[in-house]
Amino acid sequence: MKRDDLVAWLDRELDLSAYRSDHSNNGLQVEGAQEVTRALFAVDGCLATFRLAAERGADFIFVHHGISWGGEPRRFTGVTAERLRTLFGSGINLYAAHLPLDANPVFGNNAELCRLAGLGKRIPYCRYDGVDIGFIGEFEAPVTATELKTRFEKELKCAAQLLGAPDRPQGKAAVVSGGGGLDALEQAAAAGVKFLLTGELTHVMYHYALELDMTVLALGHYASETTGPRALMERIGREFGIETLFAELPTGL
């Protein structure tokens, strides 16, 4: 299909115009071939992703973490030069969606985490850069953090961290992928939710979580943000009939 048609579809479905405050320069960041026949999906826009795309003959890459943030890069040397050299040398397009992918209610990172956790009756939560990027949802039946840890470790092939009350039955959960941090924790507590499902568990969060009587299940930043790209990959492959593949490049973090 035409690259411009795919880009227009992504811009519209991800509602990019609603996320102008995002530090990421969302959308098409590097222009390559005009025709898209094979698309690679990944979490990170890095040299390993770009080289894999070139090896597999992909002409379009979708990532959650792109290579253009705010006014950076200002110089196209070193790491940036090698990344661009790989993309331009193989005519590969690079498209990035940061907050728009976190927040998307259909195929976003947090929508998918809610689905995998079995959460319904979702409401928006976790204000970040002027938009709500996560969700608070209800379990159909109470579940423990230990049970969810086992489920997610199997589903996402990750080593999750658990803090708080692992065997306390939970009726609700606040969900935000990646590095929601202390803000995500405090906003969940303010909403009366005692369980946070997230990506990173930081040192700063530790004592706050205990003092707020919160339970935190942290899947890892990378693992928690594979969900959106995979869901979007499946939808694009199904709707447009182009070949798709996922770059599994875990950081362990």
Protein backbone atom coordinates (compact mmCIF):
# COMPACT_ATOMS: atom_id res chain seq x y z
CA MET A 1 0.00 0.00 0.00
CA LYS A 2 1.04 3.62 -0.32
CA ARG A 3 3.11 4.90 2.58
CA ASP A 4 1.14 8.14 2.70
CA ASP A 5 -2.13 6.20 3.02
CA LEU A 6 -0.77 4.16 5.93
CA VAL A 7 0.62 7.28 7.63
CA ALA A 8 -2.71 9.09 7.23
CA TRP A 9 -4.54 6.10 8.72
CA LEU A 10 -2.16 5.94 11.69
CA ASP A 11 -2.34 9.69 12.29
CA ARG A 12 -6.12 9.48 12.36
CA GLU A 13 -6.51 6.29 14.41
CA LEU A 14 -3.93 7.44 16.96
CA ASP A 15 -5.47 10.93 17.08
CA LEU A 16 -2.06 12.61 16.98
CA SER A 17 -3.52 16.12 17.08
CA ALA A 18 -4.76 15.49 20.63
CA TYR A 19 -1.20 14.96 21.90
CA ARG A 20 0.63 18.11 20.81
CA SER A 21 2.17 18.48 24.28
CA ASP A 22 3.94 15.11 23.99
CA HIS A 23 7.72 15.47 24.03
CA SER A 24 7.90 12.86 21.26
CA ASN A 25 7.61 14.18 17.71
CA ASN A 26 4.90 11.67 16.88
CA GLY A 27 4.17 10.54 13.36
CA LEU A 28 6.47 9.88 10.42
CA GLN A 29 9.98 10.70 11.63
CA VAL A 30 12.05 9.35 8.75
CA GLU A 31 10.81 9.13 5.17
CA GLY A 32 11.69 6.10 3.07
CA ALA A 33 10.05 4.11 0.30
CA GLN A 34 6.70 5.27 -1.07
CA GLU A 35 5.29 1.73 -1.15
CA VAL A 36 4.87 -0.37 2.01
CA THR A 37 4.93 -4.13 1.54
CA ARG A 38 6.36 -5.29 4.87
CA ALA A 39 6.07 -3.51 8.23
CA LEU A 40 8.08 -4.19 11.37
CA PHE A 41 6.76 -3.25 14.81
CA ALA A 42 8.93 -2.66 17.88
CA VAL A 43 9.08 -0.86 21.21
CA ASP A 44 12.31 1.04 20.63
CA GLY A 45 13.70 2.99 17.70
CA CYS A 46 17.30 1.81 17.97
CA LEU A 47 20.03 0.46 15.72
CA ALA A 48 19.14 -3.16 16.53
CA THR A 49 15.56 -2.55 15.40
CA PHE A 50 16.66 -0.77 12.23
CA ARG A 51 19.20 -3.44 11.29
CA LEU A 52 16.63 -6.18 11.82
CA ALA A 53 14.18 -4.34 9.58
CA ALA A 54 16.83 -4.04 6.88
CA GLU A 55 17.72 -7.74 7.17
CA ARG A 56 14.06 -8.77 6.94
CA GLY A 57 13.30 -6.48 4.01
CA ALA A 58 10.86 -4.25 5.89
CA ASP A 59 10.18 -0.85 4.36
CA PHE A 60 8.16 0.56 7.27
CA ILE A 61 8.89 0.55 11.01
CA PHE A 62 6.43 1.46 13.75
CA VAL A 63 7.91 2.14 17.21
CA HIS A 64 6.68 3.44 20.55
CA HIS A 65 9.94 5.22 21.34
CA GLY A 66 11.16 7.11 18.28
CA ILE A 67 14.39 8.98 17.61
CA SER A 68 13.06 12.56 17.50
CA TRP A 69 12.17 14.18 20.82
CA GLY A 70 11.51 17.90 21.21
CA GLY A 71 14.42 19.73 19.59
CA GLU A 72 16.67 16.67 19.50
CA PRO A 73 18.70 15.41 17.78
CA ARG A 74 20.47 18.68 17.01
CA ARG A 75 23.48 17.01 15.44
CA PHE A 76 23.41 14.03 13.11
CA THR A 77 26.64 12.41 14.28
CA GLY A 78 27.67 9.29 16.17
CA VAL A 79 24.75 7.07 17.20
CA THR A 80 22.21 9.23 15.36
CA ALA A 81 24.25 9.16 12.15
CA GLU A 82 24.50 5.36 12.18
CA ARG A 83 20.79 4.98 12.82
CA LEU A 84 19.88 7.31 9.98
CA ARG A 85 22.44 5.72 7.68
CA THR A 86 20.78 2.33 8.22
CA LEU A 87 17.29 3.68 7.57
CA PHE A 88 18.14 5.77 4.53
CA GLY A 89 20.40 3.08 3.11
CA SER A 90 17.50 0.63 2.97
CA GLY A 91 14.72 3.11 2.17
CA ILE A 92 12.94 2.40 5.46
CA ASN A 93 10.20 4.64 6.85
CA LEU A 94 10.13 5.25 10.61
CA TYR A 95 6.88 6.11 12.38
CA ALA A 96 6.69 6.74 16.13
CA ALA A 97 3.77 7.10 18.54
CA HIS A 98 4.49 7.70 22.22
CA LEU A 99 1.58 8.97 24.36
CA PRO A 100 -0.96 8.36 21.56
CA LEU A 101 -0.16 4.64 21.76
CA ASP A 102 -0.21 4.56 25.56
CA ALA A 103 -3.65 6.15 25.67
CA ASN A 104 -5.43 4.61 22.67
CA PRO A 105 -8.58 2.92 24.02
CA VAL A 106 -8.69 0.24 21.31
CA PHE A 107 -5.15 -1.03 20.69
CA GLY A 108 -3.01 1.03 23.07
CA ASN A 109 -0.50 -0.28 25.59
CA ASN A 110 -2.79 0.32 28.55
CA ALA A 111 -5.95 -0.89 26.85
CA GLU A 112 -4.16 -4.15 26.08
CA LEU A 113 -2.84 -4.49 29.63
CA CYS A 114 -6.42 -4.03 30.86
CA ARG A 115 -7.62 -6.71 28.47
CA LEU A 116 -4.93 -9.17 29.55
CA ALA A 117 -5.66 -8.47 33.22
CA GLY A 118 -9.40 -8.99 32.70
CA LEU A 119 -10.38 -5.44 33.66
CA GLY A 120 -13.73 -3.98 32.64
CA LYS A 121 -15.65 -0.73 33.33
CA ARG A 122 -12.57 1.29 32.45
CA ILE A 123 -12.28 5.00 33.16
CA PRO A 124 -9.38 7.28 32.10
CA TYR A 125 -6.63 7.90 34.65
CA CYS A 126 -3.04 9.14 35.04
CA ARG A 127 -2.79 12.72 33.80
CA TYR A 128 0.48 13.23 31.96
CA ASP A 129 1.38 16.21 29.75
CA GLY A 130 -2.24 17.30 29.80
CA VAL A 131 -3.81 13.98 28.79
CA ASP A 132 -4.96 10.81 30.58
CA ILE A 133 -2.79 7.94 29.38
CA GLY A 134 -3.91 5.07 31.63
CA PHE A 135 -7.08 3.45 32.92
CA ILE A 136 -8.71 2.36 36.15
CA GLY A 137 -10.77 -0.78 35.74
CA GLU A 138 -12.67 -3.39 37.72
CA PHE A 139 -12.06 -7.13 37.88
CA GLU A 140 -15.05 -9.38 37.23
CA ALA A 141 -14.03 -11.29 40.37
CA PRO A 142 -11.37 -10.34 42.94
CA VAL A 143 -7.86 -11.44 42.00
CA THR A 144 -4.52 -11.32 43.79
CA ALA A 145 -1.36 -9.65 42.55
CA THR A 146 0.40 -13.01 42.78
CA GLU A 147 -2.11 -14.55 40.38
CA LEU A 148 -1.69 -11.66 37.95
CA LYS A 149 2.09 -11.85 38.21
CA THR A 150 1.99 -15.49 37.10
CA ARG A 151 -0.39 -14.65 34.24
CA PHE A 152 1.66 -11.74 32.90
CA GLU A 153 5.02 -13.47 33.23
CA LYS A 154 3.67 -16.25 31.03
CA GLU A 155 1.91 -13.94 28.56
CA LEU A 156 4.68 -11.33 28.17
CA LYS A 157 7.68 -13.55 28.97
CA CYS A 158 8.90 -11.10 31.59
CA ALA A 159 10.24 -11.17 35.15
CA ALA A 160 7.80 -9.01 37.09
CA GLN A 161 8.38 -7.28 40.43
CA LEU A 162 5.81 -7.26 43.20
CA LEU A 163 5.59 -4.86 46.13
CA GLY A 164 2.98 -4.63 48.87
CA ALA A 165 0.29 -7.21 49.64
CA PRO A 166 0.71 -9.99 47.06
CA ASP A 167 -2.18 -12.14 48.31
CA ARG A 168 -4.76 -9.45 49.05
CA PRO A 169 -7.81 -9.85 46.77
CA GLN A 170 -8.06 -6.83 44.48
CA GLY A 171 -11.32 -5.57 43.01
CA LYS A 172 -9.85 -2.72 40.98
CA ALA A 173 -6.56 -1.79 39.35
CA ALA A 174 -4.93 1.35 38.03
CA VAL A 175 -3.01 0.61 34.83
CA VAL A 176 -0.23 2.63 33.22
CA SER A 177 2.55 1.13 31.12
CA GLY A 178 6.18 2.20 31.07
CA GLY A 179 7.39 4.68 33.66
CA GLY A 180 4.30 6.15 35.28
CA GLY A 181 6.32 6.54 38.45
CA LEU A 182 5.27 8.32 41.61
CA ASP A 183 2.60 10.35 39.80
CA ALA A 184 0.82 7.18 38.70
CA LEU A 185 1.03 5.76 42.21
CA GLU A 186 -0.33 8.88 43.92
CA GLN A 187 -3.10 9.42 41.36
CA ALA A 188 -4.24 5.82 41.86
CA ALA A 189 -4.26 6.25 45.64
CA ALA A 190 -6.20 9.52 45.31
CA ALA A 191 -8.82 7.63 43.30
CA GLY A 192 -9.17 5.07 46.09
CA VAL A 193 -7.44 2.28 44.16
CA LYS A 194 -5.00 0.08 46.09
CA PHE A 195 -3.41 -1.80 43.19
CA LEU A 196 -1.16 -0.40 40.46
CA LEU A 197 -0.24 -2.42 37.37
CA THR A 198 2.66 -0.68 35.65
CA GLY A 199 6.00 -1.01 33.90
CA GLU A 200 8.72 0.36 36.16
CA LEU A 201 9.03 0.21 39.93
CA THR A 202 11.47 2.93 41.01
CA HIS A 203 13.32 3.47 44.26
CA VAL A 204 11.33 6.65 44.89
CA MET A 205 8.06 4.72 44.67
CA TYR A 206 9.03 2.13 47.30
CA HIS A 207 8.26 3.87 50.59
CA TYR A 208 5.33 5.81 49.14
CA ALA A 209 3.73 2.53 48.07
CA LEU A 210 4.12 1.02 51.52
CA GLU A 211 2.90 4.14 53.32
CA LEU A 212 -0.11 4.43 51.01
CA ASP A 213 -0.86 0.71 51.55
CA MET A 214 -0.54 0.17 47.79
CA THR A 215 0.31 -3.05 45.98
CA VAL A 216 2.40 -2.61 42.83
CA LEU A 217 2.94 -5.15 40.06
CA ALA A 218 5.71 -3.93 37.76
CA LEU A 219 6.14 -5.86 34.50
CA GLY A 220 9.20 -3.95 33.28
CA HIS A 221 9.13 -0.87 31.04
CA TYR A 222 9.86 -2.87 27.89
CA ALA A 223 7.47 -5.76 28.50
CA SER A 224 4.58 -3.50 29.46
CA GLU A 225 4.94 -1.60 26.18
CA THR A 226 5.09 -4.53 23.79
CA THR A 227 1.32 -4.87 24.05
CA GLY A 228 0.29 -1.85 21.97
CA PRO A 229 2.68 -2.41 19.05
CA ARG A 230 1.60 -6.06 18.86
CA ALA A 231 -2.10 -5.19 18.87
CA LEU A 232 -1.60 -2.52 16.22
CA MET A 233 0.49 -4.93 14.15
CA GLU A 234 -2.34 -7.47 14.14
CA ARG A 235 -4.89 -4.86 13.12
CA ILE A 236 -2.80 -3.45 10.27
CA GLY A 237 -2.00 -6.91 8.95
CA ARG A 238 -5.67 -7.83 9.05
CA GLU A 239 -7.05 -4.60 7.55
CA PHE A 240 -4.45 -3.89 4.88
CA GLY A 241 -3.05 -7.30 4.03
CA ILE A 242 0.58 -6.24 4.27
CA GLU A 243 3.16 -8.54 5.80
CA THR A 244 3.98 -7.70 9.42
CA LEU A 245 6.54 -8.83 11.97
CA PHE A 246 7.47 -7.93 15.54
CA ALA A 247 11.01 -7.19 16.71
CA GLU A 248 11.44 -8.91 20.06
CA LEU A 249 14.39 -7.02 21.55
CA PRO A 250 13.90 -7.13 25.35
CA THR A 251 16.04 -4.92 27.57
CA GLY A 252 15.23 -6.75 30.79
CA LEU A 253 14.25 -3.38 32.27
